[in-house]
C-alpha atoms as a PDB file:
ATOM      1  CA  MET A   1     -67.863-111.850  98.314  1.00  0.00           C
ATOM      2  CA  ASN A   2     -65.896-113.925 100.747  1.00  0.00           C
ATOM      3  CA  PRO A   3     -62.338-112.762 101.533  1.00  0.00           C
ATOM      4  CA  LEU A   4     -60.593-115.388  99.390  1.00  0.00           C
ATOM      5  CA  THR A   5     -62.780-114.490  96.420  1.00  0.00           C
ATOM      6  CA  VAL A   6     -61.784-110.851  96.861  1.00  0.00           C
ATOM      7  CA  GLU A   7     -58.115-111.888  96.776  1.00  0.00           C
ATOM      8  CA  TRP A   8     -58.664-113.817  93.517  1.00  0.00           C
ATOM      9  CA  VAL A   9     -60.415-110.798  91.989  1.00  0.00           C
ATOM     10  CA  ASP A  10     -57.628-108.453  93.111  1.00  0.00           C
ATOM     11  CA  LYS A  11     -54.996-110.740  91.573  1.00  0.00           C
ATOM     12  CA  ALA A  12     -57.044-110.963  88.356  1.00  0.00           C
ATOM     13  CA  GLU A  13     -57.235-107.181  88.166  1.00  0.00           C
ATOM     14  CA  GLY A  14     -53.467-106.966  88.577  1.00  0.00           C
ATOM     15  CA  ASP A  15     -53.062-109.224  85.549  1.00  0.00           C
ATOM     16  CA  PHE A  16     -55.602-107.157  83.616  1.00  0.00           C
ATOM     17  CA  THR A  17     -53.662-103.969  84.378  1.00  0.00           C
ATOM     18  CA  THR A  18     -50.421-105.612  83.251  1.00  0.00           C
ATOM     19  CA  THR A  19     -52.049-106.733  79.997  1.00  0.00           C
ATOM     20  CA  LEU A  20     -53.211-103.190  79.266  1.00  0.00           C
ATOM     21  CA  ARG A  21     -49.837-101.689  80.170  1.00  0.00           C
ATOM     22  CA  GLU A  22     -47.875-104.052  77.930  1.00  0.00           C
ATOM     23  CA  LEU A  23     -50.220-103.633  74.996  1.00  0.00           C
ATOM     24  CA  ARG A  24     -50.161 -99.830  75.287  1.00  0.00           C
ATOM     25  CA  ALA A  25     -46.419 -99.480  75.824  1.00  0.00           C
ATOM     26  CA  ARG A  26     -44.842 -97.227  73.219  1.00  0.00           C
ATOM     27  CA  LYS A  27     -41.333 -98.321  74.079  1.00  0.00           C
ATOM     28  CA  SER A  28     -40.475-102.030  74.120  1.00  0.00           C
ATOM     29  CA  PRO A  29     -43.965-103.527  74.432  1.00  0.00           C
ATOM     30  CA  ASN A  30     -43.962-107.144  75.561  1.00  0.00           C
ATOM     31  CA  TYR A  31     -46.766-108.787  73.572  1.00  0.00           C
ATOM     32  CA  ASP A  32     -45.862-112.211  74.959  1.00  0.00           C
ATOM     33  CA  ALA A  33     -46.495-110.901  78.470  1.00  0.00           C
ATOM     34  CA  ALA A  34     -49.733-109.221  77.387  1.00  0.00           C
ATOM     35  CA  CYS A  35     -51.063-112.561  76.121  1.00  0.00           C
ATOM     36  CA  PHE A  36     -49.911-114.415  79.233  1.00  0.00           C
ATOM     37  CA  HIS A  37     -51.473-111.901  81.613  1.00  0.00           C
ATOM     38  CA  ALA A  38     -54.745-111.865  79.645  1.00  0.00           C
ATOM     39  CA  GLN A  39     -54.919-115.628  80.186  1.00  0.00           C
ATOM     40  CA  GLN A  40     -53.983-115.223  83.850  1.00  0.00           C
ATOM     41  CA  CYS A  41     -56.675-112.597  84.384  1.00  0.00           C
ATOM     42  CA  VAL A  42     -59.381-114.891  83.064  1.00  0.00           C
ATOM     43  CA  GLU A  43     -58.003-117.892  84.941  1.00  0.00           C
ATOM     44  CA  LYS A  44     -58.115-116.019  88.232  1.00  0.00           C
ATOM     45  CA  TYR A  45     -61.629-114.705  87.585  1.00  0.00           C
ATOM     46  CA  LEU A  46     -62.857-118.224  86.833  1.00  0.00           C
ATOM     47  CA  LYS A  47     -61.212-119.452  90.028  1.00  0.00           C
ATOM     48  CA  ALA A  48     -62.777-116.559  91.951  1.00  0.00           C
ATOM     49  CA  ARG A  49     -66.228-117.532  90.667  1.00  0.00           C
ATOM     50  CA  LEU A  50     -65.618-121.177  91.549  1.00  0.00           C
ATOM     51  CA  GLN A  51     -64.389-120.128  94.999  1.00  0.00           C
ATOM     52  CA  GLU A  52     -67.464-118.009  95.587  1.00  0.00           C
ATOM     53  CA  ALA A  53     -69.741-120.878  94.497  1.00  0.00           C
ATOM     54  CA  GLY A  54     -67.967-123.290  96.837  1.00  0.00           C
ATOM     55  CA  ILE A  55     -66.706-125.472  93.978  1.00  0.00           C
ATOM     56  CA  SER A  56     -63.284-127.069  94.473  1.00  0.00           C
ATOM     57  CA  PHE A  57     -60.719-126.832  91.697  1.00  0.00           C
ATOM     58  CA  SER A  58     -57.195-128.045  91.108  1.00  0.00           C
ATOM     59  CA  LYS A  59     -54.114-126.080  90.145  1.00  0.00           C
ATOM     60  CA  THR A  60     -54.551-125.795  86.404  1.00  0.00           C
ATOM     61  CA  HIS A  61     -54.048-123.233  83.687  1.00  0.00           C
ATOM     62  CA  ASN A  62     -56.577-124.977  81.434  1.00  0.00           C
ATOM     63  CA  LEU A  63     -59.484-122.552  81.230  1.00  0.00           C
ATOM     64  CA  THR A  64     -61.894-125.076  79.714  1.00  0.00           C
ATOM     65  CA  VAL A  65     -61.346-127.407  82.685  1.00  0.00           C
ATOM     66  CA  LEU A  66     -62.336-124.521  84.952  1.00  0.00           C
ATOM     67  CA  LEU A  67     -65.276-123.699  82.684  1.00  0.00           C
ATOM     68  CA  ASP A  68     -66.586-127.263  82.908  1.00  0.00           C
ATOM     69  CA  LEU A  69     -66.539-127.040  86.695  1.00  0.00           C
ATOM     70  CA  LEU A  70     -68.393-123.736  86.582  1.00  0.00           C
ATOM     71  CA  LEU A  71     -71.115-124.661  84.073  1.00  0.00           C
ATOM     72  CA  PRO A  72     -73.570-126.044  86.678  1.00  0.00           C
ATOM     73  CA  VAL A  73     -73.839-122.545  88.208  1.00  0.00           C
ATOM     74  CA  GLU A  74     -73.119-120.451  85.090  1.00  0.00           C
ATOM     75  CA  PRO A  75     -74.455-122.459  82.099  1.00  0.00           C
ATOM     76  CA  SER A  76     -74.426-119.445  79.777  1.00  0.00           C
ATOM     77  CA  TYR A  77     -70.623-119.279  80.055  1.00  0.00           C
ATOM     78  CA  ASP A  78     -70.341-122.217  77.645  1.00  0.00           C
ATOM     79  CA  THR A  79     -70.512-119.614  74.870  1.00  0.00           C
ATOM     80  CA  PHE A  80     -67.017-118.539  75.960  1.00  0.00           C
ATOM     81  CA  ARG A  81     -65.512-121.972  75.253  1.00  0.00           C
ATOM     82  CA  PRO A  82     -63.761-121.080  71.939  1.00  0.00           C
ATOM     83  CA  LYS A  83     -62.249-117.952  73.466  1.00  0.00           C
ATOM     84  CA  LEU A  84     -61.190-119.836  76.586  1.00  0.00           C
ATOM     85  CA  LEU A  85     -59.496-122.429  74.383  1.00  0.00           C
ATOM     86  CA  ALA A  86     -57.588-119.680  72.592  1.00  0.00           C
ATOM     87  CA  LEU A  87     -56.580-117.980  75.849  1.00  0.00           C
ATOM     88  CA  THR A  88     -55.476-121.277  77.409  1.00  0.00           C
ATOM     89  CA  ALA A  89     -52.724-121.542  74.819  1.00  0.00           C
ATOM     90  CA  PHE A  90     -51.258-118.259  76.078  1.00  0.00           C
ATOM     91  CA  ALA A  91     -50.486-119.793  79.479  1.00  0.00           C
ATOM     92  CA  VAL A  92     -47.361-121.325  77.944  1.00  0.00           C
ATOM     93  CA  ALA A  93     -47.199-120.630  74.193  1.00  0.00           C
ATOM     94  CA  TYR A  94     -45.112-117.468  74.317  1.00  0.00           C
ATOM     95  CA  ARG A  95     -43.272-117.948  77.585  1.00  0.00           C
ATOM     96  CA  TYR A  96     -40.453-119.960  76.033  1.00  0.00           C
ATOM     97  CA  PRO A  97     -38.257-119.669  72.950  1.00  0.00           C
ATOM     98  CA  GLY A  98     -39.726-120.782  69.660  1.00  0.00           C
ATOM     99  CA  ALA A  99     -42.737-118.513  69.343  1.00  0.00           C
ATOM    100  CA  SER A 100     -43.557-114.877  69.962  1.00  0.00           C
ATOM    101  CA  ALA A 101     -46.794-112.947  70.008  1.00  0.00           C
ATOM    102  CA  ASP A 102     -47.341-109.950  67.785  1.00  0.00           C
ATOM    103  CA  LYS A 103     -49.494-106.905  68.426  1.00  0.00           C
ATOM    104  CA  ASP A 104     -52.544-108.386  66.671  1.00  0.00           C
ATOM    105  CA  THR A 105     -52.374-111.548  68.763  1.00  0.00           C
ATOM    106  CA  ALA A 106     -52.062-109.497  71.943  1.00  0.00           C
ATOM    107  CA  ARG A 107     -55.036-107.356  70.906  1.00  0.00           C
ATOM    108  CA  GLU A 108     -57.115-110.486  70.337  1.00  0.00           C
ATOM    109  CA  ALA A 109     -56.083-111.851  73.747  1.00  0.00           C
ATOM    110  CA  LEU A 110     -57.135-108.567  75.350  1.00  0.00           C
ATOM    111  CA  LYS A 111     -60.450-108.573  73.471  1.00  0.00           C
ATOM    112  CA  PHE A 112     -61.288-112.086  74.699  1.00  0.00           C
ATOM    113  CA  CYS A 113     -60.118-111.210  78.200  1.00  0.00           C
ATOM    114  CA  LYS A 114     -62.274-108.081  78.359  1.00  0.00           C
ATOM    115  CA  GLU A 115     -65.406-109.908  77.251  1.00  0.00           C
ATOM    116  CA  ILE A 116     -65.025-112.772  79.715  1.00  0.00           C
ATOM    117  CA  ARG A 117     -63.844-110.483  82.517  1.00  0.00           C
ATOM    118  CA  GLN A 118     -66.944-108.334  82.110  1.00  0.00           C
ATOM    119  CA  ALA A 119     -69.284-111.327  82.460  1.00  0.00           C
ATOM    120  CA  LEU A 120     -67.458-112.585  85.516  1.00  0.00           C
ATOM    121  CA  ARG A 121     -67.392-109.162  87.145  1.00  0.00           C
ATOM    122  CA  LEU A 122     -71.141-108.874  86.603  1.00  0.00           C
ATOM    123  CA  SER A 123     -71.619-112.212  88.351  1.00  0.00           C
ATOM    124  CA  PHE A 124     -70.058-110.588  91.443  1.00  0.00           C
ATOM    125  CA  GLY A 125     -72.108-107.415  91.087  1.00  0.00           C
ATOM    126  CA  LEU A 126     -69.026-105.442  90.037  1.00  0.00           C
ATOM    127  CA  THR A 127     -69.152-102.792  87.332  1.00  0.00           C
ATOM    128  CA  SER A 128     -66.656-102.073  84.541  1.00  0.00           C
END
């Protein structure tokens, strides 16, 4: 991996760790943050894969926009589209007053994140 790709992966892993920590917290869990960081993890992994493939991308939180850019090199990732749509909503949905995530929503965000993260990590030859 090139150095910038490694930085994207490291940042993605930081978001993954935060998601796990918030979802597992016994005292004052922040399910909003868990959902947000699950989305951020996937976003950064998609950007890492685009970076590694030499594909330019804009500053966006829309995961399906990133997916569409990536499909020429990873066509099988189109199966993730519904999950990427769901995760995209977490970039802003729970960051402001008016809506809050519950534990089930955060668990679903983590489930989607784990599945997509695993595929992207495999594309880099990374395990777990």
